[in-house]
Amino acid sequence: MLINQVAGPTGSTLASTTIGLIVVQMDQLANLLVTTLAFTVLGLILFAFAFWIMNKAAPFSIRKEIEDDQNTALAIVMGSVIIGIALIVAAAVHG
């Protein structure tokens, strides 16, 4: 992470952080962190809700099927749900 001095609109210097090719002003950093935290919490809530719905809709124990009976097909379906939710949250973050 590099700290650069950037000339502001009034000629004063502002500190900015360069991460890769992204330049973020220090005053916007807190806003970005709060937004990231909010979307992380939203994603975890959506994941828990989707898992709860799948658990209630299934006529069998998902945990028993995956862990004890080694049901690979069910594990793939559960993984697909997780990836689908991740894509939805990523699209929401990207805007």
C-alpha atoms as a PDB file:
ATOM      1  CA  MET A   1       0.000   0.000   0.000  1.00  0.00           C
ATOM      2  CA  LEU A   2       1.439   3.357  -1.019  1.00  0.00           C
ATOM      3  CA  ILE A   3       0.542   6.721   0.511  1.00  0.00           C
ATOM      4  CA  ASN A   4       0.568   9.522  -2.042  1.00  0.00           C
ATOM      5  CA  GLN A   5       0.123  13.256  -1.710  1.00  0.00           C
ATOM      6  CA  VAL A   6      -2.520  14.470  -4.162  1.00  0.00           C
ATOM      7  CA  ALA A   7      -3.298  18.125  -4.873  1.00  0.00           C
ATOM      8  CA  GLY A   8      -6.882  18.921  -3.902  1.00  0.00           C
ATOM      9  CA  PRO A   9      -9.240  21.283  -5.737  1.00  0.00           C
ATOM     10  CA  THR A  10      -8.088  24.256  -3.624  1.00  0.00           C
ATOM     11  CA  GLY A  11      -4.413  23.510  -4.134  1.00  0.00           C
ATOM     12  CA  SER A  12      -3.960  21.847  -0.731  1.00  0.00           C
ATOM     13  CA  THR A  13      -2.486  18.373  -0.568  1.00  0.00           C
ATOM     14  CA  LEU A  14      -4.650  15.410   0.390  1.00  0.00           C
ATOM     15  CA  ALA A  15      -3.409  12.000   1.439  1.00  0.00           C
ATOM     16  CA  SER A  16      -4.632   9.124  -0.694  1.00  0.00           C
ATOM     17  CA  THR A  17      -4.052   5.402  -0.620  1.00  0.00           C
ATOM     18  CA  THR A  18      -3.046   3.505  -3.762  1.00  0.00           C
ATOM     19  CA  ILE A  19      -3.918  -0.188  -3.806  1.00  0.00           C
ATOM     20  CA  GLY A  20      -3.046  -1.676  -7.175  1.00  0.00           C
ATOM     21  CA  LEU A  21      -4.670   0.719  -9.636  1.00  0.00           C
ATOM     22  CA  ILE A  22      -7.315   2.053  -7.235  1.00  0.00           C
ATOM     23  CA  VAL A  23      -6.787   5.473  -5.674  1.00  0.00           C
ATOM     24  CA  VAL A  24      -8.938   6.117  -2.604  1.00  0.00           C
ATOM     25  CA  GLN A  25      -9.055   9.393  -0.721  1.00  0.00           C
ATOM     26  CA  MET A  26      -8.550   8.922   3.021  1.00  0.00           C
ATOM     27  CA  ASP A  27     -11.834  10.672   3.848  1.00  0.00           C
ATOM     28  CA  GLN A  28     -13.712   8.203   1.603  1.00  0.00           C
ATOM     29  CA  LEU A  29     -12.006   5.171   3.111  1.00  0.00           C
ATOM     30  CA  ALA A  30     -14.325   5.017   6.138  1.00  0.00           C
ATOM     31  CA  ASN A  31     -17.360   5.201   3.858  1.00  0.00           C
ATOM     32  CA  LEU A  32     -16.021   2.342   1.710  1.00  0.00           C
ATOM     33  CA  LEU A  33     -15.306   0.208   4.771  1.00  0.00           C
ATOM     34  CA  VAL A  34     -18.835   0.721   6.138  1.00  0.00           C
ATOM     35  CA  THR A  35     -20.339  -0.135   2.747  1.00  0.00           C
ATOM     36  CA  THR A  36     -18.207  -3.274   2.486  1.00  0.00           C
ATOM     37  CA  LEU A  37     -19.201  -4.338   5.991  1.00  0.00           C
ATOM     38  CA  ALA A  38     -22.891  -3.765   5.200  1.00  0.00           C
ATOM     39  CA  PHE A  39     -22.745  -5.914   2.057  1.00  0.00           C
ATOM     40  CA  THR A  40     -20.825  -8.608   3.934  1.00  0.00           C
ATOM     41  CA  VAL A  41     -23.519  -8.779   6.597  1.00  0.00           C
ATOM     42  CA  LEU A  42     -26.223  -8.767   3.906  1.00  0.00           C
ATOM     43  CA  GLY A  43     -24.515 -11.642   2.092  1.00  0.00           C
ATOM     44  CA  LEU A  44     -24.225 -13.700   5.274  1.00  0.00           C
ATOM     45  CA  ILE A  45     -27.888 -13.097   6.114  1.00  0.00           C
ATOM     46  CA  LEU A  46     -28.943 -14.129   2.591  1.00  0.00           C
ATOM     47  CA  PHE A  47     -26.775 -17.244   2.813  1.00  0.00           C
ATOM     48  CA  ALA A  48     -28.258 -18.229   6.180  1.00  0.00           C
ATOM     49  CA  PHE A  49     -31.804 -17.609   4.909  1.00  0.00           C
ATOM     50  CA  ALA A  50     -31.243 -19.684   1.752  1.00  0.00           C
ATOM     51  CA  PHE A  51     -29.719 -22.515   3.782  1.00  0.00           C
ATOM     52  CA  TRP A  52     -32.661 -22.389   6.216  1.00  0.00           C
ATOM     53  CA  ILE A  53     -35.169 -22.554   3.332  1.00  0.00           C
ATOM     54  CA  MET A  54     -33.363 -25.509   1.754  1.00  0.00           C
ATOM     55  CA  ASN A  55     -33.210 -27.258   5.121  1.00  0.00           C
ATOM     56  CA  LYS A  56     -36.964 -26.796   5.691  1.00  0.00           C
ATOM     57  CA  ALA A  57     -37.913 -27.758   2.120  1.00  0.00           C
ATOM     58  CA  ALA A  58     -35.889 -30.979   2.086  1.00  0.00           C
ATOM     59  CA  PRO A  59     -37.706 -34.051   3.423  1.00  0.00           C
ATOM     60  CA  PHE A  60     -34.397 -35.362   4.831  1.00  0.00           C
ATOM     61  CA  SER A  61     -31.494 -34.109   6.927  1.00  0.00           C
ATOM     62  CA  ILE A  62     -29.072 -32.214   4.691  1.00  0.00           C
ATOM     63  CA  ARG A  63     -26.269 -32.564   7.231  1.00  0.00           C
ATOM     64  CA  LYS A  64     -26.725 -36.351   7.442  1.00  0.00           C
ATOM     65  CA  GLU A  65     -26.891 -36.737   3.664  1.00  0.00           C
ATOM     66  CA  ILE A  66     -23.701 -34.766   3.012  1.00  0.00           C
ATOM     67  CA  GLU A  67     -21.573 -35.873   5.974  1.00  0.00           C
ATOM     68  CA  ASP A  68     -22.674 -39.431   6.718  1.00  0.00           C
ATOM     69  CA  ASP A  69     -24.005 -40.700   3.383  1.00  0.00           C
ATOM     70  CA  GLN A  70     -21.433 -38.792   1.251  1.00  0.00           C
ATOM     71  CA  ASN A  71     -24.144 -37.428  -1.085  1.00  0.00           C
ATOM     72  CA  THR A  72     -22.022 -35.530  -3.616  1.00  0.00           C
ATOM     73  CA  ALA A  73     -24.987 -34.369  -5.702  1.00  0.00           C
ATOM     74  CA  LEU A  74     -26.570 -32.610  -2.722  1.00  0.00           C
ATOM     75  CA  ALA A  75     -23.234 -30.986  -1.854  1.00  0.00           C
ATOM     76  CA  ILE A  76     -22.993 -29.683  -5.443  1.00  0.00           C
ATOM     77  CA  VAL A  77     -26.518 -28.229  -5.230  1.00  0.00           C
ATOM     78  CA  MET A  78     -25.715 -26.533  -1.910  1.00  0.00           C
ATOM     79  CA  GLY A  79     -22.488 -25.143  -3.392  1.00  0.00           C
ATOM     80  CA  SER A  80     -24.436 -23.842  -6.388  1.00  0.00           C
ATOM     81  CA  VAL A  81     -26.799 -21.985  -4.072  1.00  0.00           C
ATOM     82  CA  ILE A  82     -23.829 -20.411  -2.283  1.00  0.00           C
ATOM     83  CA  ILE A  83     -22.248 -19.335  -5.590  1.00  0.00           C
ATOM     84  CA  GLY A  84     -25.590 -17.939  -6.799  1.00  0.00           C
ATOM     85  CA  ILE A  85     -25.991 -15.819  -3.678  1.00  0.00           C
ATOM     86  CA  ALA A  86     -22.389 -14.649  -3.991  1.00  0.00           C
ATOM     87  CA  LEU A  87     -23.050 -13.511  -7.577  1.00  0.00           C
ATOM     88  CA  ILE A  88     -26.177 -11.612  -6.507  1.00  0.00           C
ATOM     89  CA  VAL A  89     -24.366  -9.841  -3.674  1.00  0.00           C
ATOM     90  CA  ALA A  90     -21.387  -9.068  -5.941  1.00  0.00           C
ATOM     91  CA  ALA A  91     -23.732  -7.543  -8.528  1.00  0.00           C
ATOM     92  CA  ALA A  92     -25.360  -5.444  -5.805  1.00  0.00           C
ATOM     93  CA  VAL A  93     -21.974  -4.208  -4.594  1.00  0.00           C
ATOM     94  CA  HIS A  94     -20.807  -3.406  -8.116  1.00  0.00           C
ATOM     95  CA  GLY A  95     -23.992  -1.455  -8.771  1.00  0.00           C
END
